[in-house]
Amino acid sequence: KHIIFPTQEEIELEEQKQFQIQFRYDRDILLAETDIAINKAEDLGQDTKDLRVYRQALRDSTKDYIMPKELF
């Protein structure tokens, strides 16, 4: 049997894939927290504009994989 090692390109692609998986996981947690914060703010009659802008930035963050600055 021969041992076949991955190429540098294959390693980098796998690392990128793992980064994207972790990024989406972290982003999804922030989305859930933001949805809860929006609901609480609405219940209290507070302005939710900043939270909604942040939530959209989270949704868009998978275009460039840069996490927006956290609001909370």
N, C-alpha and C. Protein backbone atom coordinates (compact mmCIF):
# COMPACT_ATOMS: atom_id res chain seq x y z
N LYS A 1 0.83 -1.19 0.00
CA LYS A 1 0.00 0.00 0.00
C LYS A 1 0.87 1.24 0.00
N HIS A 2 0.39 2.24 -0.70
CA HIS A 2 1.08 3.52 -0.74
C HIS A 2 0.30 4.55 0.06
N ILE A 3 1.01 5.37 0.76
CA ILE A 3 0.38 6.47 1.48
C ILE A 3 0.36 7.67 0.55
N ILE A 4 -0.83 8.22 0.37
CA ILE A 4 -0.97 9.38 -0.50
C ILE A 4 -1.27 10.59 0.38
N PHE A 5 -0.38 11.54 0.34
CA PHE A 5 -0.56 12.75 1.13
C PHE A 5 -1.31 13.80 0.31
N PRO A 6 -2.12 14.61 0.99
CA PRO A 6 -2.85 15.65 0.25
C PRO A 6 -1.88 16.72 -0.26
N THR A 7 -2.26 17.33 -1.33
CA THR A 7 -1.46 18.43 -1.86
C THR A 7 -1.69 19.68 -1.00
N GLN A 8 -0.84 20.66 -1.15
CA GLN A 8 -1.00 21.91 -0.41
C GLN A 8 -2.34 22.56 -0.77
N GLU A 9 -2.72 22.48 -2.03
CA GLU A 9 -4.00 23.05 -2.47
C GLU A 9 -5.17 22.34 -1.78
N GLU A 10 -5.11 21.03 -1.68
CA GLU A 10 -6.18 20.28 -1.01
C GLU A 10 -6.25 20.64 0.48
N ILE A 11 -5.10 20.82 1.09
CA ILE A 11 -5.07 21.21 2.50
C ILE A 11 -5.70 22.58 2.69
N GLU A 12 -5.32 23.53 1.83
CA GLU A 12 -5.87 24.88 1.93
C GLU A 12 -7.37 24.92 1.67
N LEU A 13 -7.82 24.12 0.72
CA LEU A 13 -9.27 24.06 0.45
C LEU A 13 -10.03 23.50 1.66
N GLU A 14 -9.46 22.49 2.29
CA GLU A 14 -10.10 21.90 3.47
C GLU A 14 -10.10 22.90 4.63
N GLU A 15 -9.00 23.62 4.80
CA GLU A 15 -8.95 24.63 5.86
C GLU A 15 -9.98 25.73 5.61
N GLN A 16 -10.12 26.14 4.35
CA GLN A 16 -11.11 27.16 4.01
C GLN A 16 -12.52 26.65 4.29
N LYS A 17 -12.77 25.41 3.94
CA LYS A 17 -14.08 24.81 4.17
C LYS A 17 -14.40 24.77 5.67
N GLN A 18 -13.41 24.36 6.48
CA GLN A 18 -13.61 24.29 7.92
C GLN A 18 -13.83 25.69 8.52
N PHE A 19 -13.08 26.69 8.02
CA PHE A 19 -13.27 28.07 8.47
C PHE A 19 -14.69 28.52 8.18
N GLN A 20 -15.18 28.24 6.98
CA GLN A 20 -16.53 28.66 6.59
C GLN A 20 -17.60 27.98 7.43
N ILE A 21 -17.39 26.72 7.74
CA ILE A 21 -18.34 25.99 8.59
C ILE A 21 -18.40 26.64 9.98
N GLN A 22 -17.23 26.91 10.55
CA GLN A 22 -17.17 27.54 11.89
C GLN A 22 -17.75 28.95 11.84
N PHE A 23 -17.45 29.69 10.79
CA PHE A 23 -17.95 31.05 10.64
C PHE A 23 -19.48 31.04 10.63
N ARG A 24 -20.06 30.16 9.82
CA ARG A 24 -21.52 30.08 9.73
C ARG A 24 -22.14 29.67 11.07
N TYR A 25 -21.49 28.76 11.78
CA TYR A 25 -21.97 28.33 13.09
C TYR A 25 -22.00 29.52 14.05
N ASP A 26 -20.89 30.26 14.11
CA ASP A 26 -20.81 31.43 14.99
C ASP A 26 -21.83 32.49 14.58
N ARG A 27 -21.96 32.71 13.27
CA ARG A 27 -22.91 33.70 12.74
C ARG A 27 -24.34 33.31 13.08
N ASP A 28 -24.66 32.04 12.98
CA ASP A 28 -26.02 31.59 13.26
C ASP A 28 -26.40 31.81 14.73
N ILE A 29 -25.43 31.65 15.63
CA ILE A 29 -25.69 31.92 17.05
C ILE A 29 -25.99 33.40 17.24
N LEU A 30 -25.20 34.26 16.60
CA LEU A 30 -25.43 35.71 16.71
C LEU A 30 -26.77 36.10 16.09
N LEU A 31 -27.15 35.46 14.99
CA LEU A 31 -28.46 35.73 14.39
C LEU A 31 -29.59 35.40 15.36
N ALA A 32 -29.49 34.26 16.01
CA ALA A 32 -30.53 33.85 16.96
C ALA A 32 -30.60 34.83 18.13
N GLU A 33 -29.43 35.25 18.64
CA GLU A 33 -29.41 36.21 19.74
C GLU A 33 -30.00 37.55 19.31
N THR A 34 -29.70 37.95 18.08
CA THR A 34 -30.21 39.22 17.57
C THR A 34 -31.73 39.16 17.38
N ASP A 35 -32.23 38.05 16.89
CA ASP A 35 -33.69 37.90 16.75
C ASP A 35 -34.38 38.04 18.10
N ILE A 36 -33.80 37.44 19.13
CA ILE A 36 -34.38 37.54 20.48
C ILE A 36 -34.34 38.99 20.95
N ALA A 37 -33.21 39.66 20.72
CA ALA A 37 -33.08 41.06 21.13
C ALA A 37 -34.08 41.94 20.41
N ILE A 38 -34.31 41.68 19.13
CA ILE A 38 -35.30 42.46 18.37
C ILE A 38 -36.70 42.24 18.95
N ASN A 39 -37.03 41.00 19.23
CA ASN A 39 -38.36 40.70 19.79
C ASN A 39 -38.55 41.38 21.15
N LYS A 40 -37.53 41.33 22.00
CA LYS A 40 -37.63 41.97 23.31
C LYS A 40 -37.79 43.48 23.16
N ALA A 41 -36.99 44.07 22.27
CA ALA A 41 -37.06 45.52 22.06
C ALA A 41 -38.43 45.93 21.54
N GLU A 42 -38.97 45.14 20.60
CA GLU A 42 -40.31 45.44 20.08
C GLU A 42 -41.36 45.35 21.17
N ASP A 43 -41.24 44.33 22.03
CA ASP A 43 -42.19 44.17 23.13
C ASP A 43 -42.16 45.38 24.07
N LEU A 44 -40.99 46.00 24.20
CA LEU A 44 -40.84 47.16 25.08
C LEU A 44 -41.07 48.49 24.34
N GLY A 45 -41.41 48.40 23.06
CA GLY A 45 -41.66 49.59 22.27
C GLY A 45 -40.40 50.37 21.92
N GLN A 46 -39.26 49.70 21.94
CA GLN A 46 -37.98 50.35 21.64
C GLN A 46 -37.67 50.30 20.15
N ASP A 47 -36.78 51.18 19.73
CA ASP A 47 -36.35 51.25 18.34
C ASP A 47 -35.46 50.03 18.03
N THR A 48 -35.76 49.36 16.94
CA THR A 48 -34.99 48.16 16.57
C THR A 48 -34.16 48.37 15.31
N LYS A 49 -34.04 49.61 14.85
CA LYS A 49 -33.34 49.88 13.59
C LYS A 49 -31.90 49.35 13.61
N ASP A 50 -31.14 49.70 14.64
CA ASP A 50 -29.74 49.26 14.71
C ASP A 50 -29.62 47.74 14.75
N LEU A 51 -30.52 47.10 15.49
CA LEU A 51 -30.51 45.64 15.56
C LEU A 51 -30.82 45.02 14.20
N ARG A 52 -31.74 45.62 13.49
CA ARG A 52 -32.11 45.09 12.17
C ARG A 52 -30.98 45.29 11.15
N VAL A 53 -30.29 46.41 11.23
CA VAL A 53 -29.13 46.65 10.36
C VAL A 53 -28.04 45.62 10.66
N TYR A 54 -27.81 45.38 11.95
CA TYR A 54 -26.82 44.38 12.37
C TYR A 54 -27.21 42.99 11.88
N ARG A 55 -28.48 42.63 12.03
CA ARG A 55 -28.95 41.32 11.59
C ARG A 55 -28.73 41.16 10.08
N GLN A 56 -29.01 42.19 9.31
CA GLN A 56 -28.78 42.10 7.86
C GLN A 56 -27.28 41.97 7.56
N ALA A 57 -26.46 42.67 8.31
CA ALA A 57 -25.00 42.56 8.12
C ALA A 57 -24.54 41.13 8.42
N LEU A 58 -25.13 40.51 9.43
CA LEU A 58 -24.81 39.11 9.73
C LEU A 58 -25.21 38.21 8.56
N ARG A 59 -26.39 38.44 8.03
CA ARG A 59 -26.85 37.63 6.90
C ARG A 59 -25.92 37.79 5.70
N ASP A 60 -25.47 39.03 5.47
CA ASP A 60 -24.61 39.31 4.32
C ASP A 60 -23.16 38.89 4.53
N SER A 61 -22.79 38.57 5.76
CA SER A 61 -21.38 38.32 6.08
C SER A 61 -20.79 37.10 5.38
N THR A 62 -21.62 36.21 4.88
CA THR A 62 -21.07 35.04 4.18
C THR A 62 -20.68 35.36 2.74
N LYS A 63 -20.88 36.60 2.33
CA LYS A 63 -20.40 37.00 1.00
C LYS A 63 -18.88 37.17 1.01
N ASP A 64 -18.37 37.72 2.13
CA ASP A 64 -16.92 37.96 2.22
C ASP A 64 -16.29 37.29 3.45
N TYR A 65 -17.12 36.65 4.26
CA TYR A 65 -16.66 35.97 5.48
C TYR A 65 -15.91 36.91 6.41
N ILE A 66 -16.48 38.11 6.58
CA ILE A 66 -15.99 39.06 7.57
C ILE A 66 -17.15 39.33 8.53
N MET A 67 -16.94 39.05 9.82
CA MET A 67 -18.00 39.19 10.82
C MET A 67 -18.18 40.66 11.15
N PRO A 68 -19.44 41.15 11.11
CA PRO A 68 -19.67 42.54 11.51
C PRO A 68 -19.40 42.72 13.01
N LYS A 69 -19.09 43.96 13.37
CA LYS A 69 -18.83 44.27 14.78
C LYS A 69 -20.07 43.97 15.59
N GLU A 70 -19.89 43.29 16.72
CA GLU A 70 -21.02 42.88 17.55
C GLU A 70 -21.67 44.09 18.23
N LEU A 71 -22.98 44.02 18.37
CA LEU A 71 -23.72 45.08 19.04
C LEU A 71 -23.83 44.83 20.53
N PHE A 72 -23.72 43.57 20.93
CA PHE A 72 -23.86 43.28 22.35
C PHE A 72 -22.80 42.33 22.81
